[in-house]
Amino acid sequence: MKLEIARGLFLVGAMGVAALALAAWEQPRTQVLSAVQGGGQCLLPRVAKASVAVKPDHELLLFMFGMSQGMRPQS
C-alpha cells in the first residue's frame, strides 16, 4: 500500500473518531434550579455571616513573588 493512501486512510479514521467523540460529548444544559425542599441541596440563608473574622495573609504576596522569581532561568 502506498504511503499516501495509508496517510489518507489514517486521516479519515482520525476524523471519524473525532466526529464520534464530538457527538458523544455531553455538555451541561442551561436550566433553572428550583428551591423545592430537596435533600440534595444545602441552602444557606441570605444573612449568613462568618463567625470568625478572616485575617488576610500578608506573606502570601511575598511568597508568590519569590516563587515566580525562583522559576526564572539564571542568567
N, C-alpha and C. Protein backbone atom coordinates (compact mmCIF):
# COMPACT_ATOMS: atom_id res chain seq x y z
N MET A 1 0.86 -1.17 0.00
CA MET A 1 0.00 0.00 0.00
C MET A 1 0.91 1.23 0.00
N LYS A 2 0.54 2.19 -0.81
CA LYS A 2 1.34 3.40 -0.90
C LYS A 2 1.19 4.23 0.37
N LEU A 3 2.21 5.02 0.62
CA LEU A 3 2.22 5.85 1.82
C LEU A 3 1.12 6.90 1.79
N GLU A 4 0.83 7.44 0.61
CA GLU A 4 -0.21 8.46 0.50
C GLU A 4 -1.59 7.88 0.82
N ILE A 5 -1.83 6.66 0.38
CA ILE A 5 -3.12 6.00 0.65
C ILE A 5 -3.25 5.71 2.14
N ALA A 6 -2.16 5.23 2.75
CA ALA A 6 -2.18 4.94 4.19
C ALA A 6 -2.42 6.21 4.99
N ARG A 7 -1.78 7.30 4.60
CA ARG A 7 -2.00 8.57 5.29
C ARG A 7 -3.44 9.04 5.15
N GLY A 8 -3.98 8.89 3.96
CA GLY A 8 -5.37 9.29 3.72
C GLY A 8 -6.34 8.48 4.55
N LEU A 9 -6.13 7.16 4.62
CA LEU A 9 -7.00 6.30 5.44
C LEU A 9 -6.87 6.64 6.92
N PHE A 10 -5.65 6.92 7.36
CA PHE A 10 -5.45 7.31 8.75
C PHE A 10 -6.15 8.63 9.05
N LEU A 11 -6.07 9.58 8.14
CA LEU A 11 -6.72 10.87 8.33
C LEU A 11 -8.24 10.71 8.38
N VAL A 12 -8.79 9.90 7.49
CA VAL A 12 -10.24 9.66 7.50
C VAL A 12 -10.65 8.97 8.80
N GLY A 13 -9.87 8.00 9.25
CA GLY A 13 -10.17 7.32 10.51
C GLY A 13 -10.10 8.25 11.70
N ALA A 14 -9.07 9.10 11.73
CA ALA A 14 -8.93 10.05 12.83
C ALA A 14 -10.07 11.05 12.85
N MET A 15 -10.48 11.52 11.68
CA MET A 15 -11.61 12.45 11.62
C MET A 15 -12.91 11.76 12.06
N GLY A 16 -13.07 10.49 11.73
CA GLY A 16 -14.24 9.74 12.16
C GLY A 16 -14.29 9.58 13.67
N VAL A 17 -13.15 9.27 14.27
CA VAL A 17 -13.09 9.15 15.73
C VAL A 17 -13.37 10.49 16.39
N ALA A 18 -12.82 11.57 15.83
CA ALA A 18 -13.07 12.90 16.39
C ALA A 18 -14.54 13.28 16.26
N ALA A 19 -15.17 12.92 15.15
CA ALA A 19 -16.59 13.22 14.97
C ALA A 19 -17.45 12.44 15.95
N LEU A 20 -17.10 11.17 16.19
CA LEU A 20 -17.84 10.38 17.18
C LEU A 20 -17.65 10.92 18.59
N ALA A 21 -16.44 11.36 18.92
CA ALA A 21 -16.19 11.93 20.24
C ALA A 21 -16.97 13.22 20.43
N LEU A 22 -17.04 14.03 19.38
CA LEU A 22 -17.79 15.28 19.46
C LEU A 22 -19.28 15.01 19.62
N ALA A 23 -19.79 14.01 18.93
CA ALA A 23 -21.21 13.68 19.03
C ALA A 23 -21.55 13.11 20.40
N ALA A 24 -20.61 12.40 21.02
CA ALA A 24 -20.87 11.78 22.32
C ALA A 24 -20.62 12.72 23.49
N TRP A 25 -19.99 13.87 23.22
CA TRP A 25 -19.65 14.80 24.29
C TRP A 25 -20.91 15.50 24.75
N GLU A 26 -21.26 15.31 26.01
CA GLU A 26 -22.48 15.89 26.54
C GLU A 26 -22.13 17.07 27.43
N GLN A 27 -22.56 18.25 27.04
CA GLN A 27 -22.34 19.44 27.84
C GLN A 27 -23.55 19.66 28.73
N PRO A 28 -23.34 20.25 29.90
CA PRO A 28 -24.48 20.52 30.77
C PRO A 28 -25.42 21.54 30.14
N ARG A 29 -26.70 21.28 30.27
CA ARG A 29 -27.70 22.18 29.70
C ARG A 29 -27.96 23.35 30.64
N THR A 30 -28.46 24.42 30.05
CA THR A 30 -28.87 25.57 30.85
C THR A 30 -30.26 25.30 31.40
N GLN A 31 -30.37 25.29 32.70
CA GLN A 31 -31.67 25.04 33.31
C GLN A 31 -31.78 25.81 34.61
N VAL A 32 -33.00 26.06 35.00
CA VAL A 32 -33.28 26.82 36.22
C VAL A 32 -33.39 25.83 37.37
N LEU A 33 -32.65 26.11 38.43
CA LEU A 33 -32.74 25.27 39.62
C LEU A 33 -33.87 25.80 40.49
N SER A 34 -34.71 24.93 40.92
CA SER A 34 -35.82 25.36 41.77
C SER A 34 -35.43 25.21 43.24
N ALA A 35 -36.06 25.98 44.08
CA ALA A 35 -35.78 25.96 45.51
C ALA A 35 -36.77 25.06 46.24
N VAL A 36 -37.11 23.95 45.63
CA VAL A 36 -38.02 22.99 46.25
C VAL A 36 -37.27 22.32 47.41
N GLN A 37 -37.98 21.94 48.43
CA GLN A 37 -37.36 21.29 49.58
C GLN A 37 -36.73 19.98 49.14
N GLY A 38 -35.48 20.05 48.80
CA GLY A 38 -34.78 18.86 48.34
C GLY A 38 -33.68 18.49 49.31
N GLY A 39 -33.49 17.22 49.52
CA GLY A 39 -32.44 16.78 50.43
C GLY A 39 -31.06 16.89 49.82
N GLY A 40 -30.98 16.96 48.51
CA GLY A 40 -29.68 17.01 47.85
C GLY A 40 -29.06 18.39 47.81
N GLN A 41 -29.82 19.41 48.19
CA GLN A 41 -29.30 20.77 48.14
C GLN A 41 -29.19 21.32 49.55
N CYS A 42 -28.15 22.05 49.79
CA CYS A 42 -27.94 22.68 51.09
C CYS A 42 -28.05 24.18 50.89
N LEU A 43 -29.19 24.75 51.20
CA LEU A 43 -29.42 26.17 51.00
C LEU A 43 -28.94 26.96 52.21
N LEU A 44 -28.27 28.06 51.95
CA LEU A 44 -27.80 28.93 53.02
C LEU A 44 -28.70 30.15 53.11
N PRO A 45 -28.92 30.64 54.31
CA PRO A 45 -29.72 31.86 54.44
C PRO A 45 -28.96 33.06 53.87
N ARG A 46 -29.70 34.06 53.43
CA ARG A 46 -29.07 35.24 52.82
C ARG A 46 -28.28 36.06 53.82
N VAL A 47 -28.63 35.98 55.08
CA VAL A 47 -27.97 36.80 56.09
C VAL A 47 -26.90 36.01 56.84
N ALA A 48 -26.43 34.92 56.26
CA ALA A 48 -25.39 34.12 56.92
C ALA A 48 -24.09 34.91 56.93
N LYS A 49 -23.50 35.00 58.10
CA LYS A 49 -22.25 35.74 58.25
C LYS A 49 -21.19 34.82 58.82
N ALA A 50 -19.97 35.13 58.53
CA ALA A 50 -18.87 34.34 59.08
C ALA A 50 -18.75 34.63 60.56
N SER A 51 -18.57 33.59 61.34
CA SER A 51 -18.49 33.78 62.79
C SER A 51 -17.12 34.29 63.21
N VAL A 52 -16.10 33.99 62.43
CA VAL A 52 -14.75 34.41 62.76
C VAL A 52 -14.26 35.35 61.66
N ALA A 53 -13.71 36.48 62.06
CA ALA A 53 -13.19 37.43 61.08
C ALA A 53 -11.94 36.83 60.43
N VAL A 54 -11.91 36.86 59.12
CA VAL A 54 -10.79 36.30 58.38
C VAL A 54 -9.72 37.36 58.24
N LYS A 55 -8.50 37.01 58.62
CA LYS A 55 -7.38 37.94 58.52
C LYS A 55 -6.59 37.61 57.25
N PRO A 56 -6.29 38.61 56.44
CA PRO A 56 -5.53 38.33 55.22
C PRO A 56 -4.08 37.96 55.56
N ASP A 57 -3.54 37.09 54.77
CA ASP A 57 -2.16 36.66 54.95
C ASP A 57 -1.27 37.61 54.15
N HIS A 58 -0.53 38.45 54.85
CA HIS A 58 0.30 39.44 54.18
C HIS A 58 1.56 38.83 53.57
N GLU A 59 1.88 37.63 53.98
CA GLU A 59 3.07 36.97 53.44
C GLU A 59 2.79 36.25 52.13
N LEU A 60 1.53 36.12 51.76
CA LEU A 60 1.19 35.35 50.56
C LEU A 60 1.73 36.02 49.29
N LEU A 61 1.58 37.34 49.19
CA LEU A 61 2.08 38.04 48.01
C LEU A 61 3.59 37.92 47.90
N LEU A 62 4.27 38.03 49.02
CA LEU A 62 5.72 37.89 49.03
C LEU A 62 6.13 36.47 48.63
N PHE A 63 5.39 35.48 49.12
CA PHE A 63 5.65 34.09 48.76
C PHE A 63 5.47 33.86 47.27
N MET A 64 4.37 34.39 46.71
CA MET A 64 4.10 34.21 45.29
C MET A 64 5.17 34.90 44.44
N PHE A 65 5.62 36.08 44.87
CA PHE A 65 6.68 36.77 44.14
C PHE A 65 7.97 35.96 44.18
N GLY A 66 8.30 35.43 45.34
CA GLY A 66 9.51 34.62 45.46
C GLY A 66 9.45 33.37 44.62
N MET A 67 8.27 32.74 44.56
CA MET A 67 8.13 31.53 43.74
C MET A 67 8.28 31.85 42.26
N SER A 68 7.73 32.99 41.82
CA SER A 68 7.85 33.34 40.41
C SER A 68 9.29 33.72 40.06
N GLN A 69 10.01 34.32 40.99
CA GLN A 69 11.40 34.66 40.73
C GLN A 69 12.28 33.42 40.70
N GLY A 70 11.92 32.43 41.49
CA GLY A 70 12.71 31.20 41.53
C GLY A 70 12.55 30.36 40.28
N MET A 71 11.48 30.57 39.52
CA MET A 71 11.24 29.78 38.32
C MET A 71 11.99 30.33 37.11
N ARG A 72 12.55 31.51 37.22
CA ARG A 72 13.28 32.10 36.09
C ARG A 72 14.63 31.41 35.92
N PRO A 73 15.08 31.31 34.68
CA PRO A 73 16.41 30.73 34.46
C PRO A 73 17.49 31.71 34.93
N GLN A 74 18.53 31.17 35.49
CA GLN A 74 19.64 32.00 35.96
C GLN A 74 20.45 32.48 34.76
N SER A 75 20.69 33.81 34.69
CA SER A 75 21.47 34.32 33.57
C SER A 75 22.65 35.14 34.03
